[in-house]
PDB file of all heavy atoms in Angstrom:
ATOM      1  N   GLY A   1      -6.432  20.170  24.893  1.00  0.00           N
ATOM      2  CA  GLY A   1      -5.690  19.288  25.784  1.00  0.00           C
ATOM      3  C   GLY A   1      -5.874  17.807  25.528  1.00  0.00           C
ATOM      4  O   GLY A   1      -5.204  16.984  26.143  1.00  0.00           O
ATOM      5  N   ASN A   2      -6.775  17.428  24.626  1.00  0.00           N
ATOM      6  CA  ASN A   2      -7.030  16.015  24.335  1.00  0.00           C
ATOM      7  C   ASN A   2      -6.421  15.621  22.996  1.00  0.00           C
ATOM      8  O   ASN A   2      -6.586  16.335  22.010  1.00  0.00           O
ATOM      9  CB  ASN A   2      -8.538  15.726  24.302  1.00  0.00           C
ATOM     10  CG  ASN A   2      -9.187  15.990  25.634  1.00  0.00           C
ATOM     11  OD1 ASN A   2      -8.660  15.635  26.676  1.00  0.00           O
ATOM     12  ND2 ASN A   2     -10.333  16.656  25.601  1.00  0.00           N
ATOM     13  N   PRO A   3      -5.730  14.455  22.925  1.00  0.00           N
ATOM     14  CA  PRO A   3      -5.160  14.020  21.651  1.00  0.00           C
ATOM     15  C   PRO A   3      -6.258  13.636  20.659  1.00  0.00           C
ATOM     16  O   PRO A   3      -7.186  12.921  21.015  1.00  0.00           O
ATOM     17  CB  PRO A   3      -4.313  12.806  22.034  1.00  0.00           C
ATOM     18  CG  PRO A   3      -4.826  12.358  23.353  1.00  0.00           C
ATOM     19  CD  PRO A   3      -5.451  13.535  24.020  1.00  0.00           C
ATOM     20  N   ILE A   4      -6.140  14.168  19.424  1.00  0.00           N
ATOM     21  CA  ILE A   4      -7.170  13.881  18.416  1.00  0.00           C
ATOM     22  C   ILE A   4      -6.600  13.321  17.126  1.00  0.00           C
ATOM     23  O   ILE A   4      -7.350  12.870  16.262  1.00  0.00           O
ATOM     24  CB  ILE A   4      -8.004  15.143  18.088  1.00  0.00           C
ATOM     25  CG1 ILE A   4      -7.095  16.243  17.531  1.00  0.00           C
ATOM     26  CG2 ILE A   4      -8.782  15.618  19.289  1.00  0.00           C
ATOM     27  CD1 ILE A   4      -7.839  17.380  16.872  1.00  0.00           C
ATOM     28  N   GLY A   5      -5.285  13.340  16.953  1.00  0.00           N
ATOM     29  CA  GLY A   5      -4.706  12.849  15.713  1.00  0.00           C
ATOM     30  C   GLY A   5      -3.198  12.746  15.808  1.00  0.00           C
ATOM     31  O   GLY A   5      -2.588  13.122  16.809  1.00  0.00           O
ATOM     32  N   MET A   6      -2.607  12.234  14.727  1.00  0.00           N
ATOM     33  CA  MET A   6      -1.174  11.998  14.709  1.00  0.00           C
ATOM     34  C   MET A   6      -0.619  12.340  13.335  1.00  0.00           C
ATOM     35  O   MET A   6      -1.262  12.098  12.322  1.00  0.00           O
ATOM     36  CB  MET A   6      -0.927  10.515  15.024  1.00  0.00           C
ATOM     37  CG  MET A   6       0.486  10.062  14.831  1.00  0.00           C
ATOM     38  SD  MET A   6       0.655   8.285  15.035  1.00  0.00           S
ATOM     39  CE  MET A   6      -0.112   7.681  13.542  1.00  0.00           C
ATOM     40  N   GLN A   7       0.590  12.900  13.326  1.00  0.00           N
ATOM     41  CA  GLN A   7       1.294  13.169  12.071  1.00  0.00           C
ATOM     42  C   GLN A   7       2.617  12.411  12.113  1.00  0.00           C
ATOM     43  O   GLN A   7       3.419  12.596  13.022  1.00  0.00           O
ATOM     44  CB  GLN A   7       1.536  14.662  11.917  1.00  0.00           C
ATOM     45  CG  GLN A   7       2.188  15.019  10.615  1.00  0.00           C
ATOM     46  CD  GLN A   7       2.336  16.531  10.464  1.00  0.00           C
ATOM     47  OE1 GLN A   7       1.863  17.310  11.272  1.00  0.00           O
ATOM     48  NE2 GLN A   7       3.019  16.926   9.416  1.00  0.00           N
ATOM     49  N   LEU A   8       2.828  11.552  11.132  1.00  0.00           N
ATOM     50  CA  LEU A   8       4.037  10.743  11.052  1.00  0.00           C
ATOM     51  C   LEU A   8       5.181  11.533  10.428  1.00  0.00           C
ATOM     52  O   LEU A   8       4.946  12.472   9.678  1.00  0.00           O
ATOM     53  CB  LEU A   8       3.779   9.507  10.192  1.00  0.00           C
ATOM     54  CG  LEU A   8       2.848   8.455  10.777  1.00  0.00           C
ATOM     55  CD1 LEU A   8       2.378   7.510   9.683  1.00  0.00           C
ATOM     56  CD2 LEU A   8       3.550   7.688  11.875  1.00  0.00           C
ATOM     57  N   PRO A   9       6.432  11.118  10.695  1.00  0.00           N
ATOM     58  CA  PRO A   9       7.543  11.718   9.954  1.00  0.00           C
ATOM     59  C   PRO A   9       7.432  11.310   8.473  1.00  0.00           C
ATOM     60  O   PRO A   9       6.696  10.389   8.131  1.00  0.00           O
ATOM     61  CB  PRO A   9       8.784  11.113  10.606  1.00  0.00           C
ATOM     62  CG  PRO A   9       8.317   9.914  11.334  1.00  0.00           C
ATOM     63  CD  PRO A   9       6.875  10.120  11.649  1.00  0.00           C
ATOM     64  N   VAL A  10       8.167  11.972   7.596  1.00  0.00           N
ATOM     65  CA  VAL A  10       8.091  11.691   6.164  1.00  0.00           C
ATOM     66  C   VAL A  10       8.613  10.284   5.852  1.00  0.00           C
ATOM     67  O   VAL A  10       8.057   9.579   5.018  1.00  0.00           O
ATOM     68  CB  VAL A  10       8.883  12.750   5.361  1.00  0.00           C
ATOM     69  CG1 VAL A  10       8.914  12.412   3.879  1.00  0.00           C
ATOM     70  CG2 VAL A  10       8.282  14.123   5.583  1.00  0.00           C
ATOM     71  N   ILE A  11       9.676   9.861   6.548  1.00  0.00           N
ATOM     72  CA  ILE A  11      10.300   8.558   6.317  1.00  0.00           C
ATOM     73  C   ILE A  11      10.390   7.802   7.639  1.00  0.00           C
ATOM     74  O   ILE A  11      10.715   8.390   8.667  1.00  0.00           O
ATOM     75  CB  ILE A  11      11.732   8.724   5.750  1.00  0.00           C
ATOM     76  CG1 ILE A  11      11.714   9.466   4.415  1.00  0.00           C
ATOM     77  CG2 ILE A  11      12.455   7.394   5.650  1.00  0.00           C
ATOM     78  CD1 ILE A  11      11.255   8.667   3.228  1.00  0.00           C
ATOM     79  N   VAL A  12      10.081   6.504   7.616  1.00  0.00           N
ATOM     80  CA  VAL A  12      10.290   5.648   8.787  1.00  0.00           C
ATOM     81  C   VAL A  12      11.186   4.484   8.388  1.00  0.00           C
ATOM     82  O   VAL A  12      11.232   4.093   7.221  1.00  0.00           O
ATOM     83  CB  VAL A  12       8.961   5.106   9.378  1.00  0.00           C
ATOM     84  CG1 VAL A  12       8.119   6.227   9.936  1.00  0.00           C
ATOM     85  CG2 VAL A  12       8.173   4.311   8.362  1.00  0.00           C
ATOM     86  N   GLU A  13      11.909   3.942   9.362  1.00  0.00           N
ATOM     87  CA  GLU A  13      12.771   2.790   9.123  1.00  0.00           C
ATOM     88  C   GLU A  13      12.126   1.552   9.729  1.00  0.00           C
ATOM     89  O   GLU A  13      11.773   1.550  10.902  1.00  0.00           O
ATOM     90  CB  GLU A  13      14.152   3.013   9.747  1.00  0.00           C
ATOM     91  CG  GLU A  13      14.940   4.085   9.055  1.00  0.00           C
ATOM     92  CD  GLU A  13      16.342   4.256   9.629  1.00  0.00           C
ATOM     93  OE1 GLU A  13      16.727   3.491  10.537  1.00  0.00           O
ATOM     94  OE2 GLU A  13      17.040   5.166   9.160  1.00  0.00           O
ATOM     95  N   LEU A  14      11.953   0.518   8.900  1.00  0.00           N
ATOM     96  CA  LEU A  14      11.345  -0.738   9.334  1.00  0.00           C
ATOM     97  C   LEU A  14      12.232  -1.894   8.899  1.00  0.00           C
ATOM     98  O   LEU A  14      13.033  -1.770   7.961  1.00  0.00           O
ATOM     99  CB  LEU A  14       9.947  -0.882   8.728  1.00  0.00           C
ATOM    100  CG  LEU A  14       8.946   0.222   9.079  1.00  0.00           C
ATOM    101  CD1 LEU A  14       7.680   0.080   8.257  1.00  0.00           C
ATOM    102  CD2 LEU A  14       8.621   0.205  10.557  1.00  0.00           C
ATOM    103  N   THR A  15      12.077  -3.033   9.560  1.00  0.00           N
ATOM    104  CA  THR A  15      12.876  -4.214   9.258  1.00  0.00           C
ATOM    105  C   THR A  15      12.091  -5.180   8.387  1.00  0.00           C
ATOM    106  O   THR A  15      10.906  -5.422   8.636  1.00  0.00           O
ATOM    107  CB  THR A  15      13.299  -4.919  10.569  1.00  0.00           C
ATOM    108  OG1 THR A  15      13.985  -3.968  11.384  1.00  0.00           O
ATOM    109  CG2 THR A  15      14.205  -6.098  10.296  1.00  0.00           C
ATOM    110  N   VAL A  16      12.756  -5.758   7.384  1.00  0.00           N
ATOM    111  CA  VAL A  16      12.124  -6.749   6.510  1.00  0.00           C
ATOM    112  C   VAL A  16      12.019  -8.058   7.278  1.00  0.00           C
ATOM    113  O   VAL A  16      13.025  -8.630   7.696  1.00  0.00           O
ATOM    114  CB  VAL A  16      12.937  -6.944   5.212  1.00  0.00           C
ATOM    115  CG1 VAL A  16      12.319  -8.031   4.344  1.00  0.00           C
ATOM    116  CG2 VAL A  16      13.040  -5.640   4.443  1.00  0.00           C
ATOM    117  N   ALA A  17      10.797  -8.541   7.488  1.00  0.00           N
ATOM    118  CA  ALA A  17      10.569  -9.790   8.210  1.00  0.00           C
ATOM    119  C   ALA A  17      10.540 -10.985   7.262  1.00  0.00           C
ATOM    120  O   ALA A  17      11.068 -12.046   7.571  1.00  0.00           O
ATOM    121  CB  ALA A  17       9.265  -9.719   9.005  1.00  0.00           C
ATOM    122  N   GLU A  18       9.905 -10.809   6.093  1.00  0.00           N
ATOM    123  CA  GLU A  18       9.796 -11.896   5.118  1.00  0.00           C
ATOM    124  C   GLU A  18       9.921 -11.333   3.705  1.00  0.00           C
ATOM    125  O   GLU A  18       9.333 -10.314   3.393  1.00  0.00           O
ATOM    126  CB  GLU A  18       8.427 -12.576   5.205  1.00  0.00           C
ATOM    127  CG  GLU A  18       8.103 -13.239   6.503  1.00  0.00           C
ATOM    128  CD  GLU A  18       6.659 -13.745   6.514  1.00  0.00           C
ATOM    129  OE1 GLU A  18       6.079 -13.979   5.436  1.00  0.00           O
ATOM    130  OE2 GLU A  18       6.123 -13.883   7.619  1.00  0.00           O
ATOM    131  N   THR A  19      10.690 -12.029   2.882  1.00  0.00           N
ATOM    132  CA  THR A  19      10.747 -11.702   1.454  1.00  0.00           C
ATOM    133  C   THR A  19      11.344 -12.891   0.721  1.00  0.00           C
ATOM    134  O   THR A  19      12.012 -13.728   1.322  1.00  0.00           O
ATOM    135  CB  THR A  19      11.561 -10.417   1.179  1.00  0.00           C
ATOM    136  OG1 THR A  19      11.379 -10.053  -0.190  1.00  0.00           O
ATOM    137  CG2 THR A  19      13.026 -10.598   1.475  1.00  0.00           C
ATOM    138  N   GLU A  20      11.078 -12.967  -0.567  1.00  0.00           N
ATOM    139  CA  GLU A  20      11.626 -14.046  -1.386  1.00  0.00           C
ATOM    140  C   GLU A  20      13.048 -13.693  -1.799  1.00  0.00           C
ATOM    141  O   GLU A  20      13.425 -12.524  -1.816  1.00  0.00           O
ATOM    142  CB  GLU A  20      10.782 -14.225  -2.643  1.00  0.00           C
ATOM    143  CG  GLU A  20       9.330 -14.509  -2.371  1.00  0.00           C
ATOM    144  CD  GLU A  20       8.488 -14.377  -3.636  1.00  0.00           C
ATOM    145  OE1 GLU A  20       9.041 -14.048  -4.699  1.00  0.00           O
ATOM    146  OE2 GLU A  20       7.291 -14.596  -3.536  1.00  0.00           O
ATOM    147  N   MET A  21      13.797 -14.684  -2.172  1.00  0.00           N
ATOM    148  CA  MET A  21      15.123 -14.444  -2.728  1.00  0.00           C
ATOM    149  C   MET A  21      14.951 -13.985  -4.166  1.00  0.00           C
ATOM    150  O   MET A  21      14.161 -14.548  -4.911  1.00  0.00           O
ATOM    151  CB  MET A  21      15.976 -15.726  -2.693  1.00  0.00           C
ATOM    152  CG  MET A  21      16.325 -16.189  -1.290  1.00  0.00           C
ATOM    153  SD  MET A  21      17.374 -15.030  -0.404  1.00  0.00           S
ATOM    154  CE  MET A  21      18.853 -15.093  -1.377  1.00  0.00           C
ATOM    155  N   GLY A  22      15.668 -12.938  -4.555  1.00  0.00           N
ATOM    156  CA  GLY A  22      15.620 -12.472  -5.942  1.00  0.00           C
ATOM    157  C   GLY A  22      16.549 -13.317  -6.786  1.00  0.00           C
ATOM    158  O   GLY A  22      17.566 -13.812  -6.314  1.00  0.00           O
ATOM    159  N   SER A  23      16.207 -13.502  -8.038  1.00  0.00           N
ATOM    160  CA  SER A  23      17.090 -14.258  -8.929  1.00  0.00           C
ATOM    161  C   SER A  23      17.449 -13.390 -10.127  1.00  0.00           C
ATOM    162  O   SER A  23      16.719 -12.474 -10.486  1.00  0.00           O
ATOM    163  CB  SER A  23      16.411 -15.558  -9.380  1.00  0.00           C
ATOM    164  OG  SER A  23      15.250 -15.272 -10.113  1.00  0.00           O
ATOM    165  N   ARG A  24      18.571 -13.691 -10.745  1.00  0.00           N
ATOM    166  CA  ARG A  24      19.077 -12.870 -11.841  1.00  0.00           C
ATOM    167  C   ARG A  24      18.082 -12.762 -12.996  1.00  0.00           C
ATOM    168  O   ARG A  24      17.956 -11.730 -13.608  1.00  0.00           O
ATOM    169  CB  ARG A  24      20.388 -13.436 -12.364  1.00  0.00           C
ATOM    170  CG  ARG A  24      21.536 -13.174 -11.459  1.00  0.00           C
ATOM    171  CD  ARG A  24      22.817 -13.614 -12.149  1.00  0.00           C
ATOM    172  NE  ARG A  24      23.958 -13.324 -11.337  1.00  0.00           N
ATOM    173  CZ  ARG A  24      24.700 -12.234 -11.438  1.00  0.00           C
ATOM    174  NH1 ARG A  24      24.381 -11.322 -12.324  1.00  0.00           N
ATOM    175  NH2 ARG A  24      25.727 -12.046 -10.662  1.00  0.00           N
ATOM    176  N   GLY A  25      17.383 -13.801 -13.318  1.00  0.00           N
ATOM    177  CA  GLY A  25      16.464 -13.789 -14.454  1.00  0.00           C
ATOM    178  C   GLY A  25      15.303 -12.830 -14.286  1.00  0.00           C
ATOM    179  O   GLY A  25      14.686 -12.428 -15.253  1.00  0.00           O
ATOM    180  N   ASP A  26      15.008 -12.437 -13.041  1.00  0.00           N
ATOM    181  CA  ASP A  26      13.883 -11.540 -12.801  1.00  0.00           C
ATOM    182  C   ASP A  26      14.063 -10.181 -13.458  1.00  0.00           C
ATOM    183  O   ASP A  26      13.114  -9.571 -13.900  1.00  0.00           O
ATOM    184  CB  ASP A  26      13.683 -11.333 -11.288  1.00  0.00           C
ATOM    185  CG  ASP A  26      13.141 -12.584 -10.619  1.00  0.00           C
ATOM    186  OD1 ASP A  26      12.638 -13.459 -11.340  1.00  0.00           O
ATOM    187  OD2 ASP A  26      13.223 -12.673  -9.387  1.00  0.00           O
ATOM    188  N   THR A  27      15.298  -9.688 -13.538  1.00  0.00           N
ATOM    189  CA  THR A  27      15.511  -8.359 -14.098  1.00  0.00           C
ATOM    190  C   THR A  27      15.299  -8.347 -15.602  1.00  0.00           C
ATOM    191  O   THR A  27      14.870  -7.352 -16.150  1.00  0.00           O
ATOM    192  CB  THR A  27      16.922  -7.834 -13.770  1.00  0.00           C
ATOM    193  OG1 THR A  27      17.874  -8.761 -14.277  1.00  0.00           O
ATOM    194  CG2 THR A  27      17.098  -7.643 -12.289  1.00  0.00           C
ATOM    195  N   ALA A  28      15.572  -9.442 -16.280  1.00  0.00           N
ATOM    196  CA  ALA A  28      15.400  -9.502 -17.735  1.00  0.00           C
ATOM    197  C   ALA A  28      13.929  -9.413 -18.117  1.00  0.00           C
ATOM    198  O   ALA A  28      13.589  -8.890 -19.169  1.00  0.00           O
ATOM    199  CB  ALA A  28      16.008 -10.790 -18.279  1.00  0.00           C
ATOM    200  N   SER A  29      13.052  -9.910 -17.262  1.00  0.00           N
ATOM    201  CA  SER A  29      11.626  -9.884 -17.588  1.00  0.00           C
ATOM    202  C   SER A  29      10.989  -8.537 -17.258  1.00  0.00           C
ATOM    203  O   SER A  29       9.809  -8.339 -17.491  1.00  0.00           O
ATOM    204  CB  SER A  29      10.894 -11.002 -16.828  1.00  0.00           C
ATOM    205  OG  SER A  29      10.936 -10.748 -15.435  1.00  0.00           O
ATOM    206  N   GLY A  30      11.768  -7.619 -16.677  1.00  0.00           N
ATOM    207  CA  GLY A  30      11.223  -6.303 -16.357  1.00  0.00           C
ATOM    208  C   GLY A  30      10.734  -6.187 -14.928  1.00  0.00           C
ATOM    209  O   GLY A  30      10.395  -5.115 -14.481  1.00  0.00           O
ATOM    210  N   SER A  31      10.677  -7.285 -14.204  1.00  0.00           N
ATOM    211  CA  SER A  31      10.228  -7.252 -12.811  1.00  0.00           C
ATOM    212  C   SER A  31      11.445  -7.014 -11.925  1.00  0.00           C
ATOM    213  O   SER A  31      12.240  -7.914 -11.704  1.00  0.00           O
ATOM    214  CB  SER A  31       9.557  -8.577 -12.459  1.00  0.00           C
ATOM    215  OG  SER A  31       9.258  -8.606 -11.086  1.00  0.00           O
ATOM    216  N   VAL A  32      11.598  -5.808 -11.431  1.00  0.00           N
ATOM    217  CA  VAL A  32      12.780  -5.485 -10.644  1.00  0.00           C
ATOM    218  C   VAL A  32      12.465  -5.325  -9.158  1.00  0.00           C
ATOM    219  O   VAL A  32      13.304  -4.925  -8.395  1.00  0.00           O
ATOM    220  CB  VAL A  32      13.483  -4.210 -11.175  1.00  0.00           C
ATOM    221  CG1 VAL A  32      14.031  -4.452 -12.558  1.00  0.00           C
ATOM    222  CG2 VAL A  32      12.539  -3.032 -11.159  1.00  0.00           C
ATOM    223  N   THR A  33      11.238  -5.621  -8.759  1.00  0.00           N
ATOM    224  CA  THR A  33      10.877  -5.564  -7.344  1.00  0.00           C
ATOM    225  C   THR A  33      10.253  -6.883  -6.921  1.00  0.00           C
ATOM    226  O   THR A  33       9.851  -7.695  -7.755  1.00  0.00           O
ATOM    227  CB  THR A  33       9.886  -4.421  -7.048  1.00  0.00           C
ATOM    228  OG1 THR A  33       8.668  -4.661  -7.759  1.00  0.00           O
ATOM    229  CG2 THR A  33      10.452  -3.072  -7.421  1.00  0.00           C
ATOM    230  N   LYS A  34      10.186  -7.061  -5.625  1.00  0.00           N
ATOM    231  CA  LYS A  34       9.555  -8.258  -5.063  1.00  0.00           C
ATOM    232  C   LYS A  34       8.765  -7.844  -3.831  1.00  0.00           C
ATOM    233  O   LYS A  34       8.985  -6.769  -3.263  1.00  0.00           O
ATOM    234  CB  LYS A  34      10.619  -9.297  -4.700  1.00  0.00           C
ATOM    235  CG  LYS A  34      11.625  -8.790  -3.678  1.00  0.00           C
ATOM    236  CD  LYS A  34      12.700  -9.812  -3.413  1.00  0.00           C
ATOM    237  CE  LYS A  34      13.741  -9.263  -2.428  1.00  0.00           C
ATOM    238  NZ  LYS A  34      14.779 -10.239  -2.147  1.00  0.00           N
ATOM    239  N   ALA A  35       7.842  -8.691  -3.424  1.00  0.00           N
ATOM    240  CA  ALA A  35       7.026  -8.402  -2.245  1.00  0.00           C
ATOM    241  C   ALA A  35       7.834  -8.641  -0.981  1.00  0.00           C
ATOM    242  O   ALA A  35       8.653  -9.558  -0.917  1.00  0.00           O
ATOM    243  CB  ALA A  35       5.786  -9.292  -2.249  1.00  0.00           C
ATOM    244  N   ALA A  36       7.605  -7.786   0.021  1.00  0.00           N
ATOM    245  CA  ALA A  36       8.258  -7.949   1.315  1.00  0.00           C
ATOM    246  C   ALA A  36       7.258  -7.608   2.414  1.00  0.00           C
ATOM    247  O   ALA A  36       6.484  -6.659   2.289  1.00  0.00           O
ATOM    248  CB  ALA A  36       9.471  -7.045   1.426  1.00  0.00           C
ATOM    249  N   LYS A  37       7.286  -8.400   3.469  1.00  0.00           N
ATOM    250  CA  LYS A  37       6.465  -8.120   4.643  1.00  0.00           C
ATOM    251  C   LYS A  37       7.394  -7.588   5.721  1.00  0.00           C
ATOM    252  O   LYS A  37       8.413  -8.210   6.032  1.00  0.00           O
ATOM    253  CB  LYS A  37       5.752  -9.390   5.121  1.00  0.00           C
ATOM    254  CG  LYS A  37       4.748  -9.124   6.211  1.00  0.00           C
ATOM    255  CD  LYS A  37       3.921 -10.357   6.501  1.00  0.00           C
ATOM    256  CE  LYS A  37       2.813 -10.006   7.461  1.00  0.00           C
ATOM    257  NZ  LYS A  37       1.923 -11.154   7.675  1.00  0.00           N
ATOM    258  N   LEU A  38       7.051  -6.424   6.259  1.00  0.00           N
ATOM    259  CA  LEU A  38       7.895  -5.782   7.256  1.00  0.00           C
ATOM    260  C   LEU A  38       7.499  -6.220   8.667  1.00  0.00           C
ATOM    261  O   LEU A  38       6.448  -6.833   8.867  1.00  0.00           O
ATOM    262  CB  LEU A  38       7.809  -4.263   7.097  1.00  0.00           C
ATOM    263  CG  LEU A  38       8.120  -3.770   5.677  1.00  0.00           C
ATOM    264  CD1 LEU A  38       7.991  -2.261   5.590  1.00  0.00           C
ATOM    265  CD2 LEU A  38       9.494  -4.219   5.227  1.00  0.00           C
ATOM    266  N   ASP A  39       8.335  -5.903   9.653  1.00  0.00           N
ATOM    267  CA  ASP A  39       8.110  -6.369  11.019  1.00  0.00           C
ATOM    268  C   ASP A  39       6.810  -5.856  11.639  1.00  0.00           C
ATOM    269  O   ASP A  39       6.295  -6.442  12.568  1.00  0.00           O
ATOM    270  CB  ASP A  39       9.302  -6.035  11.915  1.00  0.00           C
ATOM    271  CG  ASP A  39       9.644  -4.555  11.940  1.00  0.00           C
ATOM    272  OD1 ASP A  39       9.154  -3.805  11.076  1.00  0.00           O
ATOM    273  OD2 ASP A  39      10.420  -4.154  12.832  1.00  0.00           O
TER     274      ASP A  39
END
């Protein structure tokens, strides 16, 4: 009867709070991702 743990769903939806603008030249260097901080 007492809660002891939690199981999350496989996928969650979150909102991007902060991220840099991507530029076209980034893909040529092989870097196709950027850092993002979620809400």
